[in-house]
PDB file of N, CA and C in Angstrom:
ATOM      1  N   MET A   1      35.742-145.078  23.130  1.00  0.00           N
ATOM      2  CA  MET A   1      34.608-145.668  22.363  1.00  0.00           C
ATOM      3  C   MET A   1      35.212-147.219  22.357  1.00  0.00           C
ATOM      4  N   GLY A   2      34.713-148.168  23.205  1.00  0.00           N
ATOM      5  CA  GLY A   2      35.250-149.542  22.865  1.00  0.00           C
ATOM      6  C   GLY A   2      34.702-150.568  21.642  1.00  0.00           C
ATOM      7  N   PHE A   3      34.953-150.812  20.861  1.00  0.00           N
ATOM      8  CA  PHE A   3      34.545-151.583  19.597  1.00  0.00           C
ATOM      9  C   PHE A   3      33.005-151.360  19.653  1.00  0.00           C
ATOM     10  N   GLY A   4      33.102-149.912  18.930  1.00  0.00           N
ATOM     11  CA  GLY A   4      31.749-150.482  18.362  1.00  0.00           C
ATOM     12  C   GLY A   4      31.651-148.487  17.932  1.00  0.00           C
ATOM     13  N   ILE A   5      33.374-148.082  17.489  1.00  0.00           N
ATOM     14  CA  ILE A   5      32.663-146.965  16.232  1.00  0.00           C
ATOM     15  C   ILE A   5      32.774-147.602  14.584  1.00  0.00           C
ATOM     16  N   ARG A   6      33.220-149.070  14.484  1.00  0.00           N
ATOM     17  CA  ARG A   6      32.948-149.236  13.275  1.00  0.00           C
ATOM     18  C   ARG A   6      31.229-149.636  13.031  1.00  0.00           C
ATOM     19  N   ASN A   7      30.657-149.241  14.124  1.00  0.00           N
ATOM     20  CA  ASN A   7      28.318-149.252  13.837  1.00  0.00           C
ATOM     21  C   ASN A   7      28.436-147.998  13.364  1.00  0.00           C
ATOM     22  N   VAL A   8      28.980-147.061  14.163  1.00  0.00           N
ATOM     23  CA  VAL A   8      28.292-145.222  13.491  1.00  0.00           C
ATOM     24  C   VAL A   8      28.134-145.630  11.476  1.00  0.00           C
ATOM     25  N   ALA A   9      27.584-144.843  11.425  1.00  0.00           N
ATOM     26  CA  ALA A   9      27.070-144.829  10.066  1.00  0.00           C
ATOM     27  C   ALA A   9      27.665-143.381   9.407  1.00  0.00           C
ATOM     28  N   ASP A  10      29.181-142.209  10.558  1.00  0.00           N
ATOM     29  CA  ASP A  10      29.657-141.591  10.168  1.00  0.00           C
ATOM     30  C   ASP A  10      30.742-141.500  10.383  1.00  0.00           C
ATOM     31  N   ILE A  11      31.293-141.941  11.109  1.00  0.00           N
ATOM     32  CA  ILE A  11      32.741-142.163  11.505  1.00  0.00           C
ATOM     33  C   ILE A  11      33.346-140.391  11.990  1.00  0.00           C
ATOM     34  N   THR A  12      33.423-139.918  11.131  1.00  0.00           N
ATOM     35  CA  THR A  12      34.250-138.678  11.206  1.00  0.00           C
ATOM     36  C   THR A  12      32.730-137.333  11.997  1.00  0.00           C
ATOM     37  N   ARG A  13      32.135-137.796  12.027  1.00  0.00           N
ATOM     38  CA  ARG A  13      31.459-137.192  12.928  1.00  0.00           C
ATOM     39  C   ARG A  13      30.765-137.823  14.336  1.00  0.00           C
ATOM     40  N   ALA A  14      30.649-138.464  14.702  1.00  0.00           N
ATOM     41  CA  ALA A  14      31.002-138.697  15.482  1.00  0.00           C
ATOM     42  C   ALA A  14      31.416-139.002  16.055  1.00  0.00           C
ATOM     43  N   PHE A  15      33.174-138.195  15.211  1.00  0.00           N
ATOM     44  CA  PHE A  15      34.295-138.099  16.167  1.00  0.00           C
ATOM     45  C   PHE A  15      34.376-136.289  16.893  1.00  0.00           C
ATOM     46  N   SER A  16      33.075-136.613  15.850  1.00  0.00           N
ATOM     47  CA  SER A  16      33.446-134.451  15.808  1.00  0.00           C
ATOM     48  C   SER A  16      32.500-134.260  16.706  1.00  0.00           C
ATOM     49  N   GLU A  17      32.031-135.140  17.216  1.00  0.00           N
ATOM     50  CA  GLU A  17      31.011-134.782  18.054  1.00  0.00           C
ATOM     51  C   GLU A  17      31.309-135.051  20.051  1.00  0.00           C
ATOM     52  N   MET A  18      32.355-136.243  18.799  1.00  0.00           N
ATOM     53  CA  MET A  18      33.100-136.664  20.842  1.00  0.00           C
ATOM     54  C   MET A  18      33.563-135.651  20.859  1.00  0.00           C
ATOM     55  N   ARG A  19      34.931-134.831  19.897  1.00  0.00           N
ATOM     56  CA  ARG A  19      35.537-133.371  20.141  1.00  0.00           C
ATOM     57  C   ARG A  19      34.985-132.573  21.165  1.00  0.00           C
ATOM     58  N   ARG A  20      33.803-131.861  20.258  1.00  0.00           N
ATOM     59  CA  ARG A  20      32.309-131.393  21.016  1.00  0.00           C
ATOM     60  C   ARG A  20      32.381-131.393  22.399  1.00  0.00           C
ATOM     61  N   VAL A  21      31.869-132.534  22.834  1.00  0.00           N
ATOM     62  CA  VAL A  21      32.408-132.896  24.119  1.00  0.00           C
ATOM     63  C   VAL A  21      32.822-132.991  25.040  1.00  0.00           C
ATOM     64  N   CYS A  22      34.294-132.866  24.105  1.00  0.00           N
ATOM     65  CA  CYS A  22      35.477-132.841  25.208  1.00  0.00           C
ATOM     66  C   CYS A  22      35.747-132.036  25.669  1.00  0.00           C
ATOM     67  N   ARG A  23      35.991-131.620  26.975  1.00  0.00           N
ATOM     68  CA  ARG A  23      36.897-130.115  26.963  1.00  0.00           C
ATOM     69  C   ARG A  23      38.268-129.685  26.488  1.00  0.00           C
ATOM     70  N   PRO A  24      38.864-128.212  26.098  1.00  0.00           N
ATOM     71  CA  PRO A  24      39.792-128.531  25.612  1.00  0.00           C
ATOM     72  C   PRO A  24      41.224-129.141  26.357  1.00  0.00           C
ATOM     73  N   GLY A  25      41.794-129.769  26.275  1.00  0.00           N
ATOM     74  CA  GLY A  25      42.832-130.506  26.170  1.00  0.00           C
ATOM     75  C   GLY A  25      42.212-131.534  27.173  1.00  0.00           C
ATOM     76  N   GLY A  26      40.855-132.299  26.523  1.00  0.00           N
ATOM     77  CA  GLY A  26      40.999-133.835  27.012  1.00  0.00           C
ATOM     78  C   GLY A  26      41.095-134.608  25.907  1.00  0.00           C
ATOM     79  N   LYS A  27      41.238-135.996  26.276  1.00  0.00           N
ATOM     80  CA  LYS A  27      41.760-137.205  24.734  1.00  0.00           C
ATOM     81  C   LYS A  27      39.907-137.663  24.511  1.00  0.00           C
ATOM     82  N   VAL A  28      40.456-138.229  23.540  1.00  0.00           N
ATOM     83  CA  VAL A  28      39.729-139.345  23.070  1.00  0.00           C
ATOM     84  C   VAL A  28      40.149-140.483  22.937  1.00  0.00           C
ATOM     85  N   VAL A  29      39.122-141.696  22.236  1.00  0.00           N
ATOM     86  CA  VAL A  29      40.094-142.889  23.055  1.00  0.00           C
ATOM     87  C   VAL A  29      39.515-144.006  22.077  1.00  0.00           C
ATOM     88  N   CYS A  30      39.661-144.834  21.569  1.00  0.00           N
ATOM     89  CA  CYS A  30      38.853-146.172  20.205  1.00  0.00           C
ATOM     90  C   CYS A  30      40.019-146.790  20.523  1.00  0.00           C
ATOM     91  N   LEU A  31      38.924-147.903  20.798  1.00  0.00           N
ATOM     92  CA  LEU A  31      39.472-149.194  21.006  1.00  0.00           C
ATOM     93  C   LEU A  31      38.659-149.830  20.283  1.00  0.00           C
ATOM     94  N   GLU A  32      38.929-150.500  18.967  1.00  0.00           N
ATOM     95  CA  GLU A  32      38.454-151.369  17.252  1.00  0.00           C
ATOM     96  C   GLU A  32      39.055-152.324  17.471  1.00  0.00           C
ATOM     97  N   ILE A  33      38.535-153.706  16.248  1.00  0.00           N
ATOM     98  CA  ILE A  33      38.911-154.435  15.953  1.00  0.00           C
ATOM     99  C   ILE A  33      39.961-154.297  14.828  1.00  0.00           C
ATOM    100  N   THR A  34      41.380-154.563  14.227  1.00  0.00           N
ATOM    101  CA  THR A  34      41.492-154.240  12.943  1.00  0.00           C
ATOM    102  C   THR A  34      41.838-155.781  12.069  1.00  0.00           C
ATOM    103  N   GLN A  35      42.232-155.071  11.250  1.00  0.00           N
ATOM    104  CA  GLN A  35      42.954-156.836   9.925  1.00  0.00           C
ATOM    105  C   GLN A  35      44.829-156.355  10.370  1.00  0.00           C
ATOM    106  N   PRO A  36      44.782-158.051  11.185  1.00  0.00           N
ATOM    107  CA  PRO A  36      46.186-157.754  10.911  1.00  0.00           C
ATOM    108  C   PRO A  36      47.416-157.521  10.142  1.00  0.00           C
ATOM    109  N   ARG A  37      48.442-157.484  10.432  1.00  0.00           N
ATOM    110  CA  ARG A  37      49.189-156.740   8.627  1.00  0.00           C
ATOM    111  C   ARG A  37      49.821-158.820   8.214  1.00  0.00           C
ATOM    112  N   ILE A  38      50.723-158.434   9.451  1.00  0.00           N
ATOM    113  CA  ILE A  38      51.581-159.688   9.285  1.00  0.00           C
ATOM    114  C   ILE A  38      51.560-160.190   8.440  1.00  0.00           C
ATOM    115  N   PRO A  39      51.470-160.903   8.079  1.00  0.00           N
ATOM    116  CA  PRO A  39      51.303-162.426   6.099  1.00  0.00           C
ATOM    117  C   PRO A  39      50.585-163.410   6.451  1.00  0.00           C
ATOM    118  N   VAL A  40      51.379-164.198   7.490  1.00  0.00           N
ATOM    119  CA  VAL A  40      50.834-165.591   7.683  1.00  0.00           C
ATOM    120  C   VAL A  40      50.039-165.083   9.255  1.00  0.00           C
ATOM    121  N   PHE A  41      49.895-163.873   9.895  1.00  0.00           N
ATOM    122  CA  PHE A  41      48.868-164.111  10.777  1.00  0.00           C
ATOM    123  C   PHE A  41      47.330-163.835  10.032  1.00  0.00           C
ATOM    124  N   LYS A  42      47.766-163.468   9.226  1.00  0.00           N
ATOM    125  CA  LYS A  42      46.418-162.604   8.520  1.00  0.00           C
ATOM    126  C   LYS A  42      45.939-163.241   7.910  1.00  0.00           C
ATOM    127  N   GLN A  43      46.196-164.305   7.325  1.00  0.00           N
ATOM    128  CA  GLN A  43      45.987-165.527   6.596  1.00  0.00           C
ATOM    129  C   GLN A  43      45.252-166.766   7.576  1.00  0.00           C
ATOM    130  N   PHE A  44      46.254-166.540   9.222  1.00  0.00           N
ATOM    131  CA  PHE A  44      45.382-167.824  10.031  1.00  0.00           C
ATOM    132  C   PHE A  44      44.147-167.005  10.437  1.00  0.00           C
ATOM    133  N   TYR A  45      43.427-165.495  10.426  1.00  0.00           N
ATOM    134  CA  TYR A  45      43.415-164.831  11.318  1.00  0.00           C
ATOM    135  C   TYR A  45      41.458-165.106  10.963  1.00  0.00           C
ATOM    136  N   GLY A  46      41.504-164.768   8.674  1.00  0.00           N
ATOM    137  CA  GLY A  46      41.429-164.821   8.239  1.00  0.00           C
ATOM    138  C   GLY A  46      40.762-166.157   8.011  1.00  0.00           C
ATOM    139  N   LEU A  47      41.354-167.563   8.266  1.00  0.00           N
ATOM    140  CA  LEU A  47      39.784-168.307   8.591  1.00  0.00           C
ATOM    141  C   LEU A  47      40.127-168.639  10.015  1.00  0.00           C
ATOM    142  N   TRP A  48      39.912-168.350  11.063  1.00  0.00           N
ATOM    143  CA  TRP A  48      39.563-168.341  11.984  1.00  0.00           C
ATOM    144  C   TRP A  48      38.812-167.276  12.862  1.00  0.00           C
ATOM    145  N   PHE A  49      38.414-166.236  11.533  1.00  0.00           N
ATOM    146  CA  PHE A  49      37.123-164.916  12.117  1.00  0.00           C
ATOM    147  C   PHE A  49      36.267-164.822  10.734  1.00  0.00           C
ATOM    148  N   ASP A  50      36.660-165.838   9.286  1.00  0.00           N
ATOM    149  CA  ASP A  50      35.182-165.831   8.144  1.00  0.00           C
ATOM    150  C   ASP A  50      35.022-167.661   9.077  1.00  0.00           C
ATOM    151  N   LEU A  51      35.676-168.288   9.008  1.00  0.00           N
ATOM    152  CA  LEU A  51      34.996-170.150   9.019  1.00  0.00           C
ATOM    153  C   LEU A  51      34.566-170.381  10.768  1.00  0.00           C
ATOM    154  N   ALA A  52      36.013-170.369  10.993  1.00  0.00           N
ATOM    155  CA  ALA A  52      35.972-170.900  12.785  1.00  0.00           C
ATOM    156  C   ALA A  52      34.453-169.927  13.266  1.00  0.00           C
ATOM    157  N   VAL A  53      34.437-168.657  13.690  1.00  0.00           N
ATOM    158  CA  VAL A  53      34.557-168.016  15.208  1.00  0.00           C
ATOM    159  C   VAL A  53      32.136-167.723  14.290  1.00  0.00           C
ATOM    160  N   PRO A  54      31.966-168.055  12.752  1.00  0.00           N
ATOM    161  CA  PRO A  54      30.220-168.199  13.085  1.00  0.00           C
ATOM    162  C   PRO A  54      29.390-169.597  12.900  1.00  0.00           C
ATOM    163  N   ARG A  55      30.992-170.861  13.106  1.00  0.00           N
ATOM    164  CA  ARG A  55      30.952-171.841  13.500  1.00  0.00           C
ATOM    165  C   ARG A  55      30.646-172.234  14.586  1.00  0.00           C
ATOM    166  N   LEU A  56      31.351-171.436  15.835  1.00  0.00           N
ATOM    167  CA  LEU A  56      31.212-171.498  16.997  1.00  0.00           C
ATOM    168  C   LEU A  56      29.981-171.109  17.617  1.00  0.00           C
ATOM    169  N   GLY A  57      29.955-169.410  17.276  1.00  0.00           N
ATOM    170  CA  GLY A  57      29.043-169.643  17.955  1.00  0.00           C
ATOM    171  C   GLY A  57      27.052-169.465  16.997  1.00  0.00           C
ATOM    172  N   LYS A  58      27.687-169.880  16.615  1.00  0.00           N
ATOM    173  CA  LYS A  58      25.733-171.328  15.972  1.00  0.00           C
ATOM    174  C   LYS A  58      26.215-172.430  16.978  1.00  0.00           C
ATOM    175  N   LEU A  59      27.285-173.144  17.164  1.00  0.00           N
ATOM    176  CA  LEU A  59      26.301-174.734  18.733  1.00  0.00           C
ATOM    177  C   LEU A  59      27.666-173.504  19.538  1.00  0.00           C
ATOM    178  N   ALA A  60      27.453-172.398  20.353  1.00  0.00           N
ATOM    179  CA  ALA A  60      27.441-171.780  21.350  1.00  0.00           C
ATOM    180  C   ALA A  60      26.405-170.899  21.286  1.00  0.00           C
ATOM    181  N   ALA A  61      25.471-170.334  20.491  1.00  0.00           N
ATOM    182  CA  ALA A  61      24.341-169.281  21.381  1.00  0.00           C
ATOM    183  C   ALA A  61      23.158-169.693  20.086  1.00  0.00           C
ATOM    184  N   GLY A  62      23.643-170.664  19.141  1.00  0.00           N
ATOM    185  CA  GLY A  62      22.090-170.220  18.075  1.00  0.00           C
ATOM    186  C   GLY A  62      22.267-170.186  16.812  1.00  0.00           C
ATOM    187  N   ASP A  63      23.175-168.294  17.187  1.00  0.00           N
ATOM    188  CA  ASP A  63      23.026-167.656  15.916  1.00  0.00           C
ATOM    189  C   ASP A  63      24.110-167.956  15.136  1.00  0.00           C
ATOM    190  N   GLU A  64      24.425-168.093  13.529  1.00  0.00           N
ATOM    191  CA  GLU A  64      25.592-167.565  13.073  1.00  0.00           C
ATOM    192  C   GLU A  64      25.167-166.845  12.233  1.00  0.00           C
ATOM    193  N   SER A  65      23.692-166.264  12.036  1.00  0.00           N
ATOM    194  CA  SER A  65      24.308-164.472  11.094  1.00  0.00           C
ATOM    195  C   SER A  65      24.816-163.528  12.289  1.00  0.00           C
ATOM    196  N   ALA A  66      24.980-163.869  14.073  1.00  0.00           N
ATOM    197  CA  ALA A  66      25.270-162.450  14.632  1.00  0.00           C
ATOM    198  C   ALA A  66      26.893-162.416  14.828  1.00  0.00           C
ATOM    199  N   TYR A  67      28.187-164.001  14.284  1.00  0.00           N
ATOM    200  CA  TYR A  67      28.521-164.281  14.558  1.00  0.00           C
ATOM    201  C   TYR A  67      29.209-164.415  13.246  1.00  0.00           C
ATOM    202  N   THR A  68      28.366-163.755  11.821  1.00  0.00           N
ATOM    203  CA  THR A  68      29.138-163.753  10.550  1.00  0.00           C
ATOM    204  C   THR A  68      29.254-162.149  10.933  1.00  0.00           C
ATOM    205  N   TYR A  69      27.766-161.258  11.249  1.00  0.00           N
ATOM    206  CA  TYR A  69      28.231-159.693  11.010  1.00  0.00           C
ATOM    207  C   TYR A  69      29.182-159.300  11.326  1.00  0.00           C
ATOM    208  N   LEU A  70      30.054-160.540  12.236  1.00  0.00           N
ATOM    209  CA  LEU A  70      31.282-158.995  13.391  1.00  0.00           C
ATOM    210  C   LEU A  70      33.082-159.108  12.819  1.00  0.00           C
ATOM    211  N   PRO A  71      32.962-160.590  11.557  1.00  0.00           N
ATOM    212  CA  PRO A  71      33.289-160.397  10.335  1.00  0.00           C
ATOM    213  C   PRO A  71      33.557-159.633   9.218  1.00  0.00           C
ATOM    214  N   ALA A  72      32.406-159.015   9.241  1.00  0.00           N
ATOM    215  CA  ALA A  72      31.924-158.506   7.900  1.00  0.00           C
ATOM    216  C   ALA A  72      32.314-157.503   7.979  1.00  0.00           C
ATOM    217  N   SER A  73      31.723-156.423   9.507  1.00  0.00           N
ATOM    218  CA  SER A  73      32.435-155.081  10.078  1.00  0.00           C
ATOM    219  C   SER A  73      33.700-154.478  10.074  1.00  0.00           C
ATOM    220  N   VAL A  74      34.697-155.454  10.665  1.00  0.00           N
ATOM    221  CA  VAL A  74      36.123-155.668  10.779  1.00  0.00           C
ATOM    222  C   VAL A  74      35.818-155.343   9.674  1.00  0.00           C
ATOM    223  N   LYS A  75      36.081-156.597   8.354  1.00  0.00           N
ATOM    224  CA  LYS A  75      36.424-156.269   6.536  1.00  0.00           C
ATOM    225  C   LYS A  75      35.932-155.018   5.843  1.00  0.00           C
ATOM    226  N   ARG A  76      35.411-154.084   6.803  1.00  0.00           N
ATOM    227  CA  ARG A  76      34.073-152.430   5.731  1.00  0.00           C
ATOM    228  C   ARG A  76      34.244-151.609   6.786  1.00  0.00           C
ATOM    229  N   PHE A  77      35.019-151.715   7.366  1.00  0.00           N
ATOM    230  CA  PHE A  77      36.321-150.295   8.648  1.00  0.00           C
ATOM    231  C   PHE A  77      37.310-150.488   8.048  1.00  0.00           C
ATOM    232  N   PRO A  78      36.949-148.511   8.138  1.00  0.00           N
ATOM    233  CA  PRO A  78      39.300-148.695   7.827  1.00  0.00           C
ATOM    234  C   PRO A  78      40.008-149.193   8.843  1.00  0.00           C
ATOM    235  N   ASP A  79      41.052-149.467   8.195  1.00  0.00           N
ATOM    236  CA  ASP A  79      42.019-149.672   8.503  1.00  0.00           C
ATOM    237  C   ASP A  79      43.070-148.689   9.520  1.00  0.00           C
ATOM    238  N   PRO A  80      44.065-148.892  10.286  1.00  0.00           N
ATOM    239  CA  PRO A  80      44.945-147.641  11.730  1.00  0.00           C
ATOM    240  C   PRO A  80      44.958-146.347  10.633  1.00  0.00           C
ATOM    241  N   ASP A  81      45.428-146.906   9.827  1.00  0.00           N
ATOM    242  CA  ASP A  81      45.750-144.829   9.109  1.00  0.00           C
ATOM    243  C   ASP A  81      44.624-144.803   8.431  1.00  0.00           C
ATOM    244  N   GLU A  82      43.904-144.650   7.659  1.00  0.00           N
ATOM    245  CA  GLU A  82      42.416-144.349   6.965  1.00  0.00           C
ATOM    246  C   GLU A  82      41.929-143.914   8.971  1.00  0.00           C
ATOM    247  N   LEU A  83      41.478-144.100   9.424  1.00  0.00           N
ATOM    248  CA  LEU A  83      41.221-144.229  11.539  1.00  0.00           C
ATOM    249  C   LEU A  83      41.841-143.272  11.497  1.00  0.00           C
ATOM    250  N   LYS A  84      42.771-143.380  11.513  1.00  0.00           N
ATOM    251  CA  LYS A  84      43.445-142.292  11.985  1.00  0.00           C
ATOM    252  C   LYS A  84      43.254-140.267  11.720  1.00  0.00           C
ATOM    253  N   SER A  85      42.976-140.918  10.377  1.00  0.00           N
ATOM    254  CA  SER A  85      43.009-140.024   9.119  1.00  0.00           C
ATOM    255  C   SER A  85      41.417-139.698   9.566  1.00  0.00           C
ATOM    256  N   LEU A  86      40.599-139.728   9.253  1.00  0.00           N
ATOM    257  CA  LEU A  86      39.611-139.613  10.149  1.00  0.00           C
ATOM    258  C   LEU A  86      38.994-138.705  11.038  1.00  0.00           C
ATOM    259  N   MET A  87      39.793-139.310  12.257  1.00  0.00           N
ATOM    260  CA  MET A  87      40.192-138.613  13.521  1.00  0.00           C
ATOM    261  C   MET A  87      40.462-137.236  12.878  1.00  0.00           C
ATOM    262  N   GLU A  88      42.155-137.281  12.347  1.00  0.00           N
ATOM    263  CA  GLU A  88      42.442-135.563  11.883  1.00  0.00           C
ATOM    264  C   GLU A  88      41.228-134.295  11.658  1.00  0.00           C
ATOM    265  N   ASP A  89      40.935-135.222  10.480  1.00  0.00           N
ATOM    266  CA  ASP A  89      39.353-134.584   9.712  1.00  0.00           C
ATOM    267  C   ASP A  89      38.104-133.825  10.023  1.00  0.00           C
ATOM    268  N   ALA A  90      37.561-135.193  11.727  1.00  0.00           N
ATOM    269  CA  ALA A  90      37.903-134.121  12.907  1.00  0.00           C
ATOM    270  C   ALA A  90      37.760-133.363  13.417  1.00  0.00           C
ATOM    271  N   GLY A  91      39.135-132.766  14.024  1.00  0.00           N
ATOM    272  CA  GLY A  91      39.380-131.800  14.569  1.00  0.00           C
ATOM    273  C   GLY A  91      40.041-132.748  15.707  1.00  0.00           C
ATOM    274  N   LEU A  92      39.965-133.503  15.490  1.00  0.00           N
ATOM    275  CA  LEU A  92      41.152-134.184  16.427  1.00  0.00           C
ATOM    276  C   LEU A  92      42.746-133.808  16.633  1.00  0.00           C
ATOM    277  N   ARG A  93      43.625-133.347  18.006  1.00  0.00           N
ATOM    278  CA  ARG A  93      44.654-133.175  17.402  1.00  0.00           C
ATOM    279  C   ARG A  93      46.129-134.342  18.069  1.00  0.00           C
ATOM    280  N   ASN A  94      46.757-134.244  17.183  1.00  0.00           N
ATOM    281  CA  ASN A  94      48.150-135.064  17.883  1.00  0.00           C
ATOM    282  C   ASN A  94      47.439-136.804  17.635  1.00  0.00           C
ATOM    283  N   VAL A  95      47.500-136.961  16.908  1.00  0.00           N
ATOM    284  CA  VAL A  95      46.622-138.779  16.554  1.00  0.00           C
ATOM    285  C   VAL A  95      47.460-139.822  16.794  1.00  0.00           C
ATOM    286  N   ARG A  96      47.001-140.001  17.570  1.00  0.00           N
ATOM    287  CA  ARG A  96      48.225-141.321  17.504  1.00  0.00           C
ATOM    288  C   ARG A  96      48.169-142.601  17.419  1.00  0.00           C
ATOM    289  N   TYR A  97      48.231-143.755  16.793  1.00  0.00           N
ATOM    290  CA  TYR A  97      48.276-145.193  17.684  1.00  0.00           C
ATOM    291  C   TYR A  97      48.677-146.338  17.532  1.00  0.00           C
ATOM    292  N   GLU A  98      48.952-147.645  18.358  1.00  0.00           N
ATOM    293  CA  GLU A  98      49.345-148.813  18.491  1.00  0.00           C
ATOM    294  C   GLU A  98      48.116-149.905  18.100  1.00  0.00           C
ATOM    295  N   THR A  99      48.622-151.054  17.304  1.00  0.00           N
ATOM    296  CA  THR A  99      48.484-152.068  17.460  1.00  0.00           C
ATOM    297  C   THR A  99      48.346-152.882  18.432  1.00  0.00           C
ATOM    298  N   LEU A 100      47.476-154.182  19.076  1.00  0.00           N
ATOM    299  CA  LEU A 100      48.235-155.082  20.259  1.00  0.00           C
ATOM    300  C   LEU A 100      47.134-156.119  19.713  1.00  0.00           C
ATOM    301  N   ALA A 101      47.640-157.701  20.276  1.00  0.00           N
ATOM    302  CA  ALA A 101      47.514-158.368  20.238  1.00  0.00           C
ATOM    303  C   ALA A 101      47.361-159.084  18.984  1.00  0.00           C
ATOM    304  N   GLY A 102      48.799-159.036  17.940  1.00  0.00           N
ATOM    305  CA  GLY A 102      49.264-159.249  16.738  1.00  0.00           C
ATOM    306  C   GLY A 102      49.141-158.573  15.722  1.00  0.00           C
ATOM    307  N   GLY A 103      47.927-156.922  16.324  1.00  0.00           N
ATOM    308  CA  GLY A 103      47.940-156.700  14.817  1.00  0.00           C
ATOM    309  C   GLY A 103      46.554-156.934  14.878  1.00  0.00           C
ATOM    310  N   ILE A 104      45.263-157.714  16.270  1.00  0.00           N
ATOM    311  CA  ILE A 104      44.070-157.796  15.260  1.00  0.00           C
ATOM    312  C   ILE A 104      43.351-156.524  16.614  1.00  0.00           C
ATOM    313  N   ILE A 105      43.480-155.762  17.119  1.00  0.00           N
ATOM    314  CA  ILE A 105      43.371-154.971  17.754  1.00  0.00           C
ATOM    315  C   ILE A 105      43.978-153.374  18.391  1.00  0.00           C
ATOM    316  N   ALA A 106      43.605-151.913  17.817  1.00  0.00           N
ATOM    317  CA  ALA A 106      43.798-150.893  16.756  1.00  0.00           C
ATOM    318  C   ALA A 106      43.431-149.703  18.311  1.00  0.00           C
ATOM    319  N   LEU A 107      44.381-148.699  18.945  1.00  0.00           N
ATOM    320  CA  LEU A 107      44.114-148.331  19.483  1.00  0.00           C
ATOM    321  C   LEU A 107      44.766-146.867  19.420  1.00  0.00           C
ATOM    322  N   HIS A 108      43.869-145.952  19.360  1.00  0.00           N
ATOM    323  CA  HIS A 108      44.195-144.934  18.614  1.00  0.00           C
ATOM    324  C   HIS A 108      43.089-143.936  20.266  1.00  0.00           C
ATOM    325  N   HIS A 109      44.330-142.702  20.183  1.00  0.00           N
ATOM    326  CA  HIS A 109      43.728-141.859  21.293  1.00  0.00           C
ATOM    327  C   HIS A 109      44.291-139.830  20.397  1.00  0.00           C
ATOM    328  N   ALA A 110      43.559-139.455  21.149  1.00  0.00           N
ATOM    329  CA  ALA A 110      44.307-138.384  20.335  1.00  0.00           C
ATOM    330  C   ALA A 110      43.822-137.609  21.114  1.00  0.00           C
ATOM    331  N   LEU A 111      43.909-135.819  20.782  1.00  0.00           N
ATOM    332  CA  LEU A 111      43.416-134.469  21.831  1.00  0.00           C
ATOM    333  C   LEU A 111      42.351-133.733  21.597  1.00  0.00           C
ATOM    334  N   VAL A 112      41.955-133.736  22.835  1.00  0.00           N
ATOM    335  CA  VAL A 112      40.439-131.601  22.282  1.00  0.00           C
ATOM    336  C   VAL A 112      41.159-130.394  21.312  1.00  0.00           C
TER     337      VAL A 112
END
């Protein structure tokens, strides 16, 4: 799932369902936005994501609220370690993740 699990009401249940529909030995992969951990980059990212993105969305699309939703949803979303735990709670095995793009993207993968 790419950039969608943060919009699911029950994340563990969603991963359980992914496990159910995958064949044994299959893979579940989740690509999602996360908050960076590097202090200076985290500050810049916060300013950009919280202030600039909504304003640019208003200018480009005429809809600031849609671009305010995105940063808010990322702040509510579990960090990579917490998401890993939710995947394990759902019965997925060998759960691992890597952060990309300076730590603003997390790619989780697990076996069924």
